[in-house]
Amino acid sequence: MKLVKARPLDPEASDMLVFFCPGCQEEHWVSVGPKTLWKIIWQFNGDYNKPTINPSILVKHNSPDGEHICHSFIRDGKIQFLSDCTHDMRGKTVDLPDIEKATT
């Protein structure tokens, strides 16, 4: 599968999905339903093998070498990295890699 349901850290936040980002080499999470602690809820087409998620997914984090940005769309099982990404996949569209289960 390209996307899996996350194991909730809190039973009240069980509407989370996880995918593996090949640009960041880590998992990213999105909330897709009312049982979430997040303010943003993404739309999900329900297909775990060819997922489409809207709107775009923006992940930012700071590290000692500066701010890292990953900004993407997931459409029909592909991840499209936007031009504001700070990693090497910026501007590329690739197949979303398979993921077995959320590790966190």
PDB file of N, CA and C in Angstrom:
ATOM      1  N   MET A   1       0.829  -1.181   0.000  1.00  0.00           N
ATOM      2  CA  MET A   1       0.000   0.000   0.000  1.00  0.00           C
ATOM      3  C   MET A   1       0.876   1.248   0.000  1.00  0.00           C
ATOM      4  N   LYS A   2       0.320   2.316  -0.516  1.00  0.00           N
ATOM      5  CA  LYS A   2       1.031   3.592  -0.583  1.00  0.00           C
ATOM      6  C   LYS A   2       0.773   4.454   0.650  1.00  0.00           C
ATOM      7  N   LEU A   3      -0.311   4.153   1.338  1.00  0.00           N
ATOM      8  CA  LEU A   3      -0.776   4.965   2.456  1.00  0.00           C
ATOM      9  C   LEU A   3      -1.381   4.015   3.474  1.00  0.00           C
ATOM     10  N   VAL A   4      -1.173   4.285   4.754  1.00  0.00           N
ATOM     11  CA  VAL A   4      -1.760   3.442   5.793  1.00  0.00           C
ATOM     12  C   VAL A   4      -2.393   4.301   6.869  1.00  0.00           C
ATOM     13  N   LYS A   5      -3.336   3.700   7.587  1.00  0.00           N
ATOM     14  CA  LYS A   5      -3.904   4.380   8.754  1.00  0.00           C
ATOM     15  C   LYS A   5      -2.847   4.397   9.846  1.00  0.00           C
ATOM     16  N   ALA A   6      -2.716   5.525  10.493  1.00  0.00           N
ATOM     17  CA  ALA A   6      -1.738   5.659  11.572  1.00  0.00           C
ATOM     18  C   ALA A   6      -2.259   5.024  12.833  1.00  0.00           C
ATOM     19  N   ARG A   7      -1.342   4.485  13.614  1.00  0.00           N
ATOM     20  CA  ARG A   7      -1.718   4.053  14.953  1.00  0.00           C
ATOM     21  C   ARG A   7      -1.858   5.315  15.782  1.00  0.00           C
ATOM     22  N   PRO A   8      -3.024   5.568  16.309  1.00  0.00           N
ATOM     23  CA  PRO A   8      -3.218   6.839  17.030  1.00  0.00           C
ATOM     24  C   PRO A   8      -2.405   6.907  18.313  1.00  0.00           C
ATOM     25  N   LEU A   9      -1.796   8.053  18.511  1.00  0.00           N
ATOM     26  CA  LEU A   9      -1.114   8.317  19.770  1.00  0.00           C
ATOM     27  C   LEU A   9      -2.137   8.587  20.856  1.00  0.00           C
ATOM     28  N   ASP A  10      -3.286   9.050  20.445  1.00  0.00           N
ATOM     29  CA  ASP A  10      -4.389   9.379  21.337  1.00  0.00           C
ATOM     30  C   ASP A  10      -5.663   8.820  20.696  1.00  0.00           C
ATOM     31  N   PRO A  11      -6.477   8.051  21.401  1.00  0.00           N
ATOM     32  CA  PRO A  11      -7.702   7.491  20.813  1.00  0.00           C
ATOM     33  C   PRO A  11      -8.653   8.550  20.252  1.00  0.00           C
ATOM     34  N   GLU A  12      -8.535   9.756  20.746  1.00  0.00           N
ATOM     35  CA  GLU A  12      -9.375  10.837  20.237  1.00  0.00           C
ATOM     36  C   GLU A  12      -8.851  11.380  18.914  1.00  0.00           C
ATOM     37  N   ALA A  13      -7.687  10.935  18.457  1.00  0.00           N
ATOM     38  CA  ALA A  13      -7.085  11.420  17.214  1.00  0.00           C
ATOM     39  C   ALA A  13      -6.786  10.241  16.294  1.00  0.00           C
ATOM     40  N   SER A  14      -7.825   9.527  15.904  1.00  0.00           N
ATOM     41  CA  SER A  14      -7.625   8.288  15.147  1.00  0.00           C
ATOM     42  C   SER A  14      -7.778   8.434  13.634  1.00  0.00           C
ATOM     43  N   ASP A  15      -8.043   9.615  13.129  1.00  0.00           N
ATOM     44  CA  ASP A  15      -8.272   9.801  11.691  1.00  0.00           C
ATOM     45  C   ASP A  15      -7.022  10.318  10.980  1.00  0.00           C
ATOM     46  N   MET A  16      -5.908   9.629  11.188  1.00  0.00           N
ATOM     47  CA  MET A  16      -4.636  10.040  10.606  1.00  0.00           C
ATOM     48  C   MET A  16      -4.162   8.988   9.614  1.00  0.00           C
ATOM     49  N   LEU A  17      -3.565   9.455   8.508  1.00  0.00           N
ATOM     50  CA  LEU A  17      -2.952   8.574   7.516  1.00  0.00           C
ATOM     51  C   LEU A  17      -1.471   8.899   7.433  1.00  0.00           C
ATOM     52  N   VAL A  18      -0.678   7.906   7.045  1.00  0.00           N
ATOM     53  CA  VAL A  18       0.770   8.055   6.978  1.00  0.00           C
ATOM     54  C   VAL A  18       1.254   7.605   5.604  1.00  0.00           C
ATOM     55  N   PHE A  19       2.215   8.353   5.054  1.00  0.00           N
ATOM     56  CA  PHE A  19       2.897   7.926   3.832  1.00  0.00           C
ATOM     57  C   PHE A  19       4.384   8.174   4.006  1.00  0.00           C
ATOM     58  N   PHE A  20       5.191   7.454   3.228  1.00  0.00           N
ATOM     59  CA  PHE A  20       6.641   7.641   3.286  1.00  0.00           C
ATOM     60  C   PHE A  20       7.040   8.626   2.205  1.00  0.00           C
ATOM     61  N   CYS A  21       7.722   9.693   2.609  1.00  0.00           N
ATOM     62  CA  CYS A  21       8.165  10.729   1.683  1.00  0.00           C
ATOM     63  C   CYS A  21       9.581  10.402   1.201  1.00  0.00           C
ATOM     64  N   PRO A  22       9.758  10.149  -0.108  1.00  0.00           N
ATOM     65  CA  PRO A  22      11.094   9.852  -0.609  1.00  0.00           C
ATOM     66  C   PRO A  22      12.017  11.070  -0.633  1.00  0.00           C
ATOM     67  N   GLY A  23      11.467  12.260  -0.575  1.00  0.00           N
ATOM     68  CA  GLY A  23      12.291  13.466  -0.533  1.00  0.00           C
ATOM     69  C   GLY A  23      12.916  13.681   0.831  1.00  0.00           C
ATOM     70  N   CYS A  24      12.137  13.495   1.873  1.00  0.00           N
ATOM     71  CA  CYS A  24      12.605  13.697   3.249  1.00  0.00           C
ATOM     72  C   CYS A  24      13.172  12.415   3.860  1.00  0.00           C
ATOM     73  N   GLN A  25      12.866  11.270   3.235  1.00  0.00           N
ATOM     74  CA  GLN A  25      13.259   9.964   3.757  1.00  0.00           C
ATOM     75  C   GLN A  25      12.669   9.718   5.150  1.00  0.00           C
ATOM     76  N   GLU A  26      11.397  10.127   5.300  1.00  0.00           N
ATOM     77  CA  GLU A  26      10.677   9.916   6.554  1.00  0.00           C
ATOM     78  C   GLU A  26       9.180   9.899   6.293  1.00  0.00           C
ATOM     79  N   GLU A  27       8.431   9.496   7.299  1.00  0.00           N
ATOM     80  CA  GLU A  27       6.971   9.476   7.206  1.00  0.00           C
ATOM     81  C   GLU A  27       6.402  10.877   7.390  1.00  0.00           C
ATOM     82  N   HIS A  28       5.317  11.148   6.668  1.00  0.00           N
ATOM     83  CA  HIS A  28       4.522  12.354   6.882  1.00  0.00           C
ATOM     84  C   HIS A  28       3.102  11.902   7.208  1.00  0.00           C
ATOM     85  N   TRP A  29       2.432  12.658   8.041  1.00  0.00           N
ATOM     86  CA  TRP A  29       1.080  12.334   8.491  1.00  0.00           C
ATOM     87  C   TRP A  29       0.108  13.401   7.997  1.00  0.00           C
ATOM     88  N   VAL A  30      -1.120  12.973   7.695  1.00  0.00           N
ATOM     89  CA  VAL A  30      -2.211  13.896   7.374  1.00  0.00           C
ATOM     90  C   VAL A  30      -3.460  13.463   8.130  1.00  0.00           C
ATOM     91  N   SER A  31      -4.271  14.422   8.502  1.00  0.00           N
ATOM     92  CA  SER A  31      -5.545  14.125   9.173  1.00  0.00           C
ATOM     93  C   SER A  31      -6.654  14.154   8.126  1.00  0.00           C
ATOM     94  N   VAL A  32      -7.549  13.150   8.174  1.00  0.00           N
ATOM     95  CA  VAL A  32      -8.577  13.030   7.141  1.00  0.00           C
ATOM     96  C   VAL A  32      -9.991  12.924   7.702  1.00  0.00           C
ATOM     97  N   GLY A  33     -10.174  13.214   8.964  1.00  0.00           N
ATOM     98  CA  GLY A  33     -11.513  13.102   9.518  1.00  0.00           C
ATOM     99  C   GLY A  33     -11.672  13.876  10.804  1.00  0.00           C
ATOM    100  N   PRO A  34     -12.852  13.804  11.371  1.00  0.00           N
ATOM    101  CA  PRO A  34     -13.153  14.615  12.546  1.00  0.00           C
ATOM    102  C   PRO A  34     -12.416  14.190  13.817  1.00  0.00           C
ATOM    103  N   LYS A  35     -11.924  12.958  13.885  1.00  0.00           N
ATOM    104  CA  LYS A  35     -11.232  12.510  15.097  1.00  0.00           C
ATOM    105  C   LYS A  35      -9.748  12.855  15.001  1.00  0.00           C
ATOM    106  N   THR A  36      -9.463  14.126  15.030  1.00  0.00           N
ATOM    107  CA  THR A  36      -8.087  14.589  14.933  1.00  0.00           C
ATOM    108  C   THR A  36      -7.881  15.759  15.884  1.00  0.00           C
ATOM    109  N   LEU A  37      -6.670  15.914  16.316  1.00  0.00           N
ATOM    110  CA  LEU A  37      -6.325  17.063  17.151  1.00  0.00           C
ATOM    111  C   LEU A  37      -5.809  18.215  16.303  1.00  0.00           C
ATOM    112  N   TRP A  38      -5.671  18.003  14.998  1.00  0.00           N
ATOM    113  CA  TRP A  38      -5.149  19.025  14.090  1.00  0.00           C
ATOM    114  C   TRP A  38      -6.280  19.909  13.598  1.00  0.00           C
ATOM    115  N   LYS A  39      -5.938  21.116  13.185  1.00  0.00           N
ATOM    116  CA  LYS A  39      -6.935  22.043  12.663  1.00  0.00           C
ATOM    117  C   LYS A  39      -7.233  21.794  11.194  1.00  0.00           C
ATOM    118  N   ILE A  40      -6.269  21.224  10.461  1.00  0.00           N
ATOM    119  CA  ILE A  40      -6.437  20.985   9.032  1.00  0.00           C
ATOM    120  C   ILE A  40      -6.942  19.561   8.816  1.00  0.00           C
ATOM    121  N   ILE A  41      -7.944  19.424   7.947  1.00  0.00           N
ATOM    122  CA  ILE A  41      -8.426  18.105   7.551  1.00  0.00           C
ATOM    123  C   ILE A  41      -8.318  18.032   6.028  1.00  0.00           C
ATOM    124  N   TRP A  42      -7.545  17.048   5.551  1.00  0.00           N
ATOM    125  CA  TRP A  42      -7.369  16.858   4.119  1.00  0.00           C
ATOM    126  C   TRP A  42      -8.475  15.968   3.572  1.00  0.00           C
ATOM    127  N   GLN A  43      -8.781  16.118   2.306  1.00  0.00           N
ATOM    128  CA  GLN A  43      -9.714  15.235   1.618  1.00  0.00           C
ATOM    129  C   GLN A  43      -8.920  14.037   1.086  1.00  0.00           C
ATOM    130  N   PHE A  44      -9.490  12.853   1.214  1.00  0.00           N
ATOM    131  CA  PHE A  44      -8.839  11.616   0.796  1.00  0.00           C
ATOM    132  C   PHE A  44      -9.815  10.834  -0.065  1.00  0.00           C
ATOM    133  N   ASN A  45      -9.347  10.309  -1.203  1.00  0.00           N
ATOM    134  CA  ASN A  45     -10.240   9.596  -2.123  1.00  0.00           C
ATOM    135  C   ASN A  45     -10.588   8.175  -1.667  1.00  0.00           C
ATOM    136  N   GLY A  46     -10.004   7.705  -0.548  1.00  0.00           N
ATOM    137  CA  GLY A  46     -10.335   6.389  -0.013  1.00  0.00           C
ATOM    138  C   GLY A  46      -9.536   5.244  -0.608  1.00  0.00           C
ATOM    139  N   ASP A  47      -8.664   5.516  -1.570  1.00  0.00           N
ATOM    140  CA  ASP A  47      -7.876   4.477  -2.233  1.00  0.00           C
ATOM    141  C   ASP A  47      -6.471   4.452  -1.623  1.00  0.00           C
ATOM    142  N   TYR A  48      -6.159   3.389  -0.879  1.00  0.00           N
ATOM    143  CA  TYR A  48      -4.871   3.292  -0.204  1.00  0.00           C
ATOM    144  C   TYR A  48      -3.734   2.927  -1.153  1.00  0.00           C
ATOM    145  N   ASN A  49      -4.052   2.439  -2.349  1.00  0.00           N
ATOM    146  CA  ASN A  49      -3.023   2.080  -3.326  1.00  0.00           C
ATOM    147  C   ASN A  49      -2.757   3.169  -4.362  1.00  0.00           C
ATOM    148  N   LYS A  50      -3.782   3.956  -4.693  1.00  0.00           N
ATOM    149  CA  LYS A  50      -3.624   5.092  -5.608  1.00  0.00           C
ATOM    150  C   LYS A  50      -4.259   6.325  -4.955  1.00  0.00           C
ATOM    151  N   PRO A  51      -3.697   6.744  -3.814  1.00  0.00           N
ATOM    152  CA  PRO A  51      -4.339   7.838  -3.081  1.00  0.00           C
ATOM    153  C   PRO A  51      -4.238   9.186  -3.786  1.00  0.00           C
ATOM    154  N   THR A  52      -5.270   9.982  -3.551  1.00  0.00           N
ATOM    155  CA  THR A  52      -5.269  11.402  -3.889  1.00  0.00           C
ATOM    156  C   THR A  52      -5.659  12.125  -2.612  1.00  0.00           C
ATOM    157  N   ILE A  53      -4.867  13.118  -2.260  1.00  0.00           N
ATOM    158  CA  ILE A  53      -5.090  13.893  -1.038  1.00  0.00           C
ATOM    159  C   ILE A  53      -5.065  15.368  -1.414  1.00  0.00           C
ATOM    160  N   ASN A  54      -6.054  16.103  -0.929  1.00  0.00           N
ATOM    161  CA  ASN A  54      -6.127  17.546  -1.182  1.00  0.00           C
ATOM    162  C   ASN A  54      -6.418  18.273   0.109  1.00  0.00           C
ATOM    163  N   PRO A  55      -5.934  19.470   0.327  1.00  0.00           N
ATOM    164  CA  PRO A  55      -5.047  20.250  -0.544  1.00  0.00           C
ATOM    165  C   PRO A  55      -3.607  19.747  -0.446  1.00  0.00           C
ATOM    166  N   SER A  56      -2.664  20.593  -0.840  1.00  0.00           N
ATOM    167  CA  SER A  56      -1.249  20.224  -0.782  1.00  0.00           C
ATOM    168  C   SER A  56      -0.821  19.970   0.661  1.00  0.00           C
ATOM    169  N   ILE A  57       0.293  19.279   0.800  1.00  0.00           N
ATOM    170  CA  ILE A  57       0.840  18.924   2.114  1.00  0.00           C
ATOM    171  C   ILE A  57       2.135  19.699   2.303  1.00  0.00           C
ATOM    172  N   LEU A  58       2.183  20.522   3.333  1.00  0.00           N
ATOM    173  CA  LEU A  58       3.355  21.350   3.621  1.00  0.00           C
ATOM    174  C   LEU A  58       3.939  20.924   4.960  1.00  0.00           C
ATOM    175  N   VAL A  59       5.188  20.478   4.935  1.00  0.00           N
ATOM    176  CA  VAL A  59       5.885  20.052   6.143  1.00  0.00           C
ATOM    177  C   VAL A  59       7.111  20.936   6.293  1.00  0.00           C
ATOM    178  N   LYS A  60       7.228  21.579   7.466  1.00  0.00           N
ATOM    179  CA  LYS A  60       8.394  22.425   7.749  1.00  0.00           C
ATOM    180  C   LYS A  60       8.992  22.002   9.074  1.00  0.00           C
ATOM    181  N   HIS A  61      10.309  21.999   9.140  1.00  0.00           N
ATOM    182  CA  HIS A  61      10.966  21.805  10.430  1.00  0.00           C
ATOM    183  C   HIS A  61      12.339  22.468  10.400  1.00  0.00           C
ATOM    184  N   ASN A  62      12.762  22.888  11.563  1.00  0.00           N
ATOM    185  CA  ASN A  62      14.052  23.541  11.699  1.00  0.00           C
ATOM    186  C   ASN A  62      15.089  22.553  12.198  1.00  0.00           C
ATOM    187  N   SER A  63      16.301  22.741  11.741  1.00  0.00           N
ATOM    188  CA  SER A  63      17.419  21.926  12.189  1.00  0.00           C
ATOM    189  C   SER A  63      18.628  22.848  12.314  1.00  0.00           C
ATOM    190  N   PRO A  64      19.737  22.351  12.828  1.00  0.00           N
ATOM    191  CA  PRO A  64      20.928  23.203  12.940  1.00  0.00           C
ATOM    192  C   PRO A  64      21.388  23.779  11.595  1.00  0.00           C
ATOM    193  N   ASP A  65      21.085  23.078  10.453  1.00  0.00           N
ATOM    194  CA  ASP A  65      21.487  23.626   9.154  1.00  0.00           C
ATOM    195  C   ASP A  65      20.418  24.493   8.502  1.00  0.00           C
ATOM    196  N   GLY A  66      19.354  24.835   9.208  1.00  0.00           N
ATOM    197  CA  GLY A  66      18.348  25.743   8.673  1.00  0.00           C
ATOM    198  C   GLY A  66      16.971  25.114   8.569  1.00  0.00           C
ATOM    199  N   GLU A  67      16.070  25.848   7.928  1.00  0.00           N
ATOM    200  CA  GLU A  67      14.696  25.377   7.769  1.00  0.00           C
ATOM    201  C   GLU A  67      14.607  24.407   6.595  1.00  0.00           C
ATOM    202  N   HIS A  68      13.919  23.295   6.808  1.00  0.00           N
ATOM    203  CA  HIS A  68      13.660  22.315   5.758  1.00  0.00           C
ATOM    204  C   HIS A  68      12.181  22.386   5.401  1.00  0.00           C
ATOM    205  N   ILE A  69      11.904  22.399   4.101  1.00  0.00           N
ATOM    206  CA  ILE A  69      10.530  22.489   3.612  1.00  0.00           C
ATOM    207  C   ILE A  69      10.269  21.343   2.645  1.00  0.00           C
ATOM    208  N   CYS A  70       9.138  20.680   2.834  1.00  0.00           N
ATOM    209  CA  CYS A  70       8.646  19.679   1.895  1.00  0.00           C
ATOM    210  C   CYS A  70       7.213  20.059   1.576  1.00  0.00           C
ATOM    211  N   HIS A  71       6.945  20.362   0.327  1.00  0.00           N
ATOM    212  CA  HIS A  71       5.613  20.802  -0.098  1.00  0.00           C
ATOM    213  C   HIS A  71       5.224  19.949  -1.301  1.00  0.00           C
ATOM    214  N   SER A  72       4.094  19.262  -1.193  1.00  0.00           N
ATOM    215  CA  SER A  72       3.751  18.310  -2.254  1.00  0.00           C
ATOM    216  C   SER A  72       2.250  18.141  -2.407  1.00  0.00           C
ATOM    217  N   PHE A  73       1.891  17.572  -3.554  1.00  0.00           N
ATOM    218  CA  PHE A  73       0.548  17.062  -3.815  1.00  0.00           C
ATOM    219  C   PHE A  73       0.666  15.553  -3.951  1.00  0.00           C
ATOM    220  N   ILE A  74      -0.351  14.822  -3.525  1.00  0.00           N
ATOM    221  CA  ILE A  74      -0.444  13.389  -3.790  1.00  0.00           C
ATOM    222  C   ILE A  74      -1.676  13.193  -4.659  1.00  0.00           C
ATOM    223  N   ARG A  75      -1.419  12.656  -5.860  1.00  0.00           N
ATOM    224  CA  ARG A  75      -2.503  12.447  -6.819  1.00  0.00           C
ATOM    225  C   ARG A  75      -2.311  11.108  -7.521  1.00  0.00           C
ATOM    226  N   ASP A  76      -3.346  10.272  -7.484  1.00  0.00           N
ATOM    227  CA  ASP A  76      -3.334   8.971  -8.175  1.00  0.00           C
ATOM    228  C   ASP A  76      -2.096   8.139  -7.854  1.00  0.00           C
ATOM    229  N   GLY A  77      -1.677   8.147  -6.593  1.00  0.00           N
ATOM    230  CA  GLY A  77      -0.552   7.322  -6.162  1.00  0.00           C
ATOM    231  C   GLY A  77       0.817   7.896  -6.467  1.00  0.00           C
ATOM    232  N   LYS A  78       0.862   9.133  -6.942  1.00  0.00           N
ATOM    233  CA  LYS A  78       2.130   9.799  -7.222  1.00  0.00           C
ATOM    234  C   LYS A  78       2.275  11.001  -6.302  1.00  0.00           C
ATOM    235  N   ILE A  79       3.526  11.334  -5.987  1.00  0.00           N
ATOM    236  CA  ILE A  79       3.786  12.515  -5.176  1.00  0.00           C
ATOM    237  C   ILE A  79       4.511  13.533  -6.052  1.00  0.00           C
ATOM    238  N   GLN A  80       3.924  14.727  -6.118  1.00  0.00           N
ATOM    239  CA  GLN A  80       4.470  15.813  -6.916  1.00  0.00           C
ATOM    240  C   GLN A  80       5.082  16.828  -5.964  1.00  0.00           C
ATOM    241  N   PHE A  81       6.400  16.955  -6.010  1.00  0.00           N
ATOM    242  CA  PHE A  81       7.101  17.892  -5.134  1.00  0.00           C
ATOM    243  C   PHE A  81       7.117  19.273  -5.778  1.00  0.00           C
ATOM    244  N   LEU A  82       6.735  20.277  -5.016  1.00  0.00           N
ATOM    245  CA  LEU A  82       6.628  21.634  -5.527  1.00  0.00           C
ATOM    246  C   LEU A  82       7.971  22.354  -5.460  1.00  0.00           C
ATOM    247  N   SER A  83       8.035  23.520  -6.092  1.00  0.00           N
ATOM    248  CA  SER A  83       9.305  24.228  -6.263  1.00  0.00           C
ATOM    249  C   SER A  83       9.863  24.841  -4.984  1.00  0.00           C
ATOM    250  N   ASP A  84       9.064  24.906  -3.911  1.00  0.00           N
ATOM    251  CA  ASP A  84       9.580  25.479  -2.667  1.00  0.00           C
ATOM    252  C   ASP A  84      10.195  24.431  -1.737  1.00  0.00           C
ATOM    253  N   CYS A  85      10.270  23.171  -2.174  1.00  0.00           N
ATOM    254  CA  CYS A  85      10.942  22.137  -1.376  1.00  0.00           C
ATOM    255  C   CYS A  85      12.430  22.476  -1.260  1.00  0.00           C
ATOM    256  N   THR A  86      13.014  22.102  -0.150  1.00  0.00           N
ATOM    257  CA  THR A  86      14.447  22.342   0.030  1.00  0.00           C
ATOM    258  C   THR A  86      15.270  21.067  -0.153  1.00  0.00           C
ATOM    259  N   HIS A  87      14.641  19.963  -0.535  1.00  0.00           N
ATOM    260  CA  HIS A  87      15.385  18.723  -0.751  1.00  0.00           C
ATOM    261  C   HIS A  87      15.553  18.460  -2.252  1.00  0.00           C
ATOM    262  N   ASP A  88      16.279  17.399  -2.575  1.00  0.00           N
ATOM    263  CA  ASP A  88      16.655  17.090  -3.960  1.00  0.00           C
ATOM    264  C   ASP A  88      15.501  16.677  -4.863  1.00  0.00           C
ATOM    265  N   MET A  89      14.337  16.391  -4.310  1.00  0.00           N
ATOM    266  CA  MET A  89      13.197  15.964  -5.129  1.00  0.00           C
ATOM    267  C   MET A  89      12.372  17.159  -5.633  1.00  0.00           C
ATOM    268  N   ARG A  90      12.783  18.369  -5.311  1.00  0.00           N
ATOM    269  CA  ARG A  90      12.067  19.589  -5.714  1.00  0.00           C
ATOM    270  C   ARG A  90      11.772  19.551  -7.223  1.00  0.00           C
ATOM    271  N   GLY A  91      10.494  19.783  -7.571  1.00  0.00           N
ATOM    272  CA  GLY A  91      10.086  19.847  -8.964  1.00  0.00           C
ATOM    273  C   GLY A  91       9.838  18.498  -9.629  1.00  0.00           C
ATOM    274  N   LYS A  92      10.036  17.405  -8.933  1.00  0.00           N
ATOM    275  CA  LYS A  92       9.870  16.067  -9.523  1.00  0.00           C
ATOM    276  C   LYS A  92       8.521  15.466  -9.122  1.00  0.00           C
ATOM    277  N   THR A  93       8.037  14.553  -9.965  1.00  0.00           N
ATOM    278  CA  THR A  93       6.861  13.744  -9.657  1.00  0.00           C
ATOM    279  C   THR A  93       7.288  12.293  -9.746  1.00  0.00           C
ATOM    280  N   VAL A  94       7.046  11.536  -8.669  1.00  0.00           N
ATOM    281  CA  VAL A  94       7.460  10.127  -8.611  1.00  0.00           C
ATOM    282  C   VAL A  94       6.329   9.295  -7.999  1.00  0.00           C
ATOM    283  N   ASP A  95       6.409   7.986  -8.214  1.00  0.00           N
ATOM    284  CA  ASP A  95       5.453   7.087  -7.558  1.00  0.00           C
ATOM    285  C   ASP A  95       5.639   7.164  -6.051  1.00  0.00           C
ATOM    286  N   LEU A  96       4.554   7.181  -5.340  1.00  0.00           N
ATOM    287  CA  LEU A  96       4.603   7.135  -3.884  1.00  0.00           C
ATOM    288  C   LEU A  96       5.083   5.744  -3.486  1.00  0.00           C
ATOM    289  N   PRO A  97       6.136   5.649  -2.655  1.00  0.00           N
ATOM    290  CA  PRO A  97       6.624   4.319  -2.299  1.00  0.00           C
ATOM    291  C   PRO A  97       5.637   3.563  -1.414  1.00  0.00           C
ATOM    292  N   ASP A  98       5.741   2.252  -1.451  1.00  0.00           N
ATOM    293  CA  ASP A  98       4.916   1.421  -0.570  1.00  0.00           C
ATOM    294  C   ASP A  98       5.336   1.628   0.879  1.00  0.00           C
ATOM    295  N   ILE A  99       4.370   1.475   1.754  1.00  0.00           N
ATOM    296  CA  ILE A  99       4.619   1.572   3.200  1.00  0.00           C
ATOM    297  C   ILE A  99       3.841   0.440   3.858  1.00  0.00           C
ATOM    298  N   GLU A 100       4.475  -0.252   4.754  1.00  0.00           N
ATOM    299  CA  GLU A 100       3.841  -1.389   5.432  1.00  0.00           C
ATOM    300  C   GLU A 100       2.894  -0.931   6.527  1.00  0.00           C
ATOM    301  N   LYS A 101       3.444  -0.154   7.463  1.00  0.00           N
ATOM    302  CA  LYS A 101       2.654   0.338   8.578  1.00  0.00           C
ATOM    303  C   LYS A 101       3.396   1.512   9.197  1.00  0.00           C
ATOM    304  N   ALA A 102       2.682   2.318   9.915  1.00  0.00           N
ATOM    305  CA  ALA A 102       3.301   3.469  10.565  1.00  0.00           C
ATOM    306  C   ALA A 102       4.242   2.982  11.656  1.00  0.00           C
ATOM    307  N   THR A 103       5.414   3.571  11.709  1.00  0.00           N
ATOM    308  CA  THR A 103       6.377   3.156  12.724  1.00  0.00           C
ATOM    309  C   THR A 103       6.264   3.963  14.000  1.00  0.00           C
ATOM    310  N   THR A 104       5.520   5.049  13.966  1.00  0.00           N
ATOM    311  CA  THR A 104       5.368   5.873  15.171  1.00  0.00           C
ATOM    312  C   THR A 104       3.939   5.887  15.634  1.00  0.00           C
TER     313      THR A 104
END
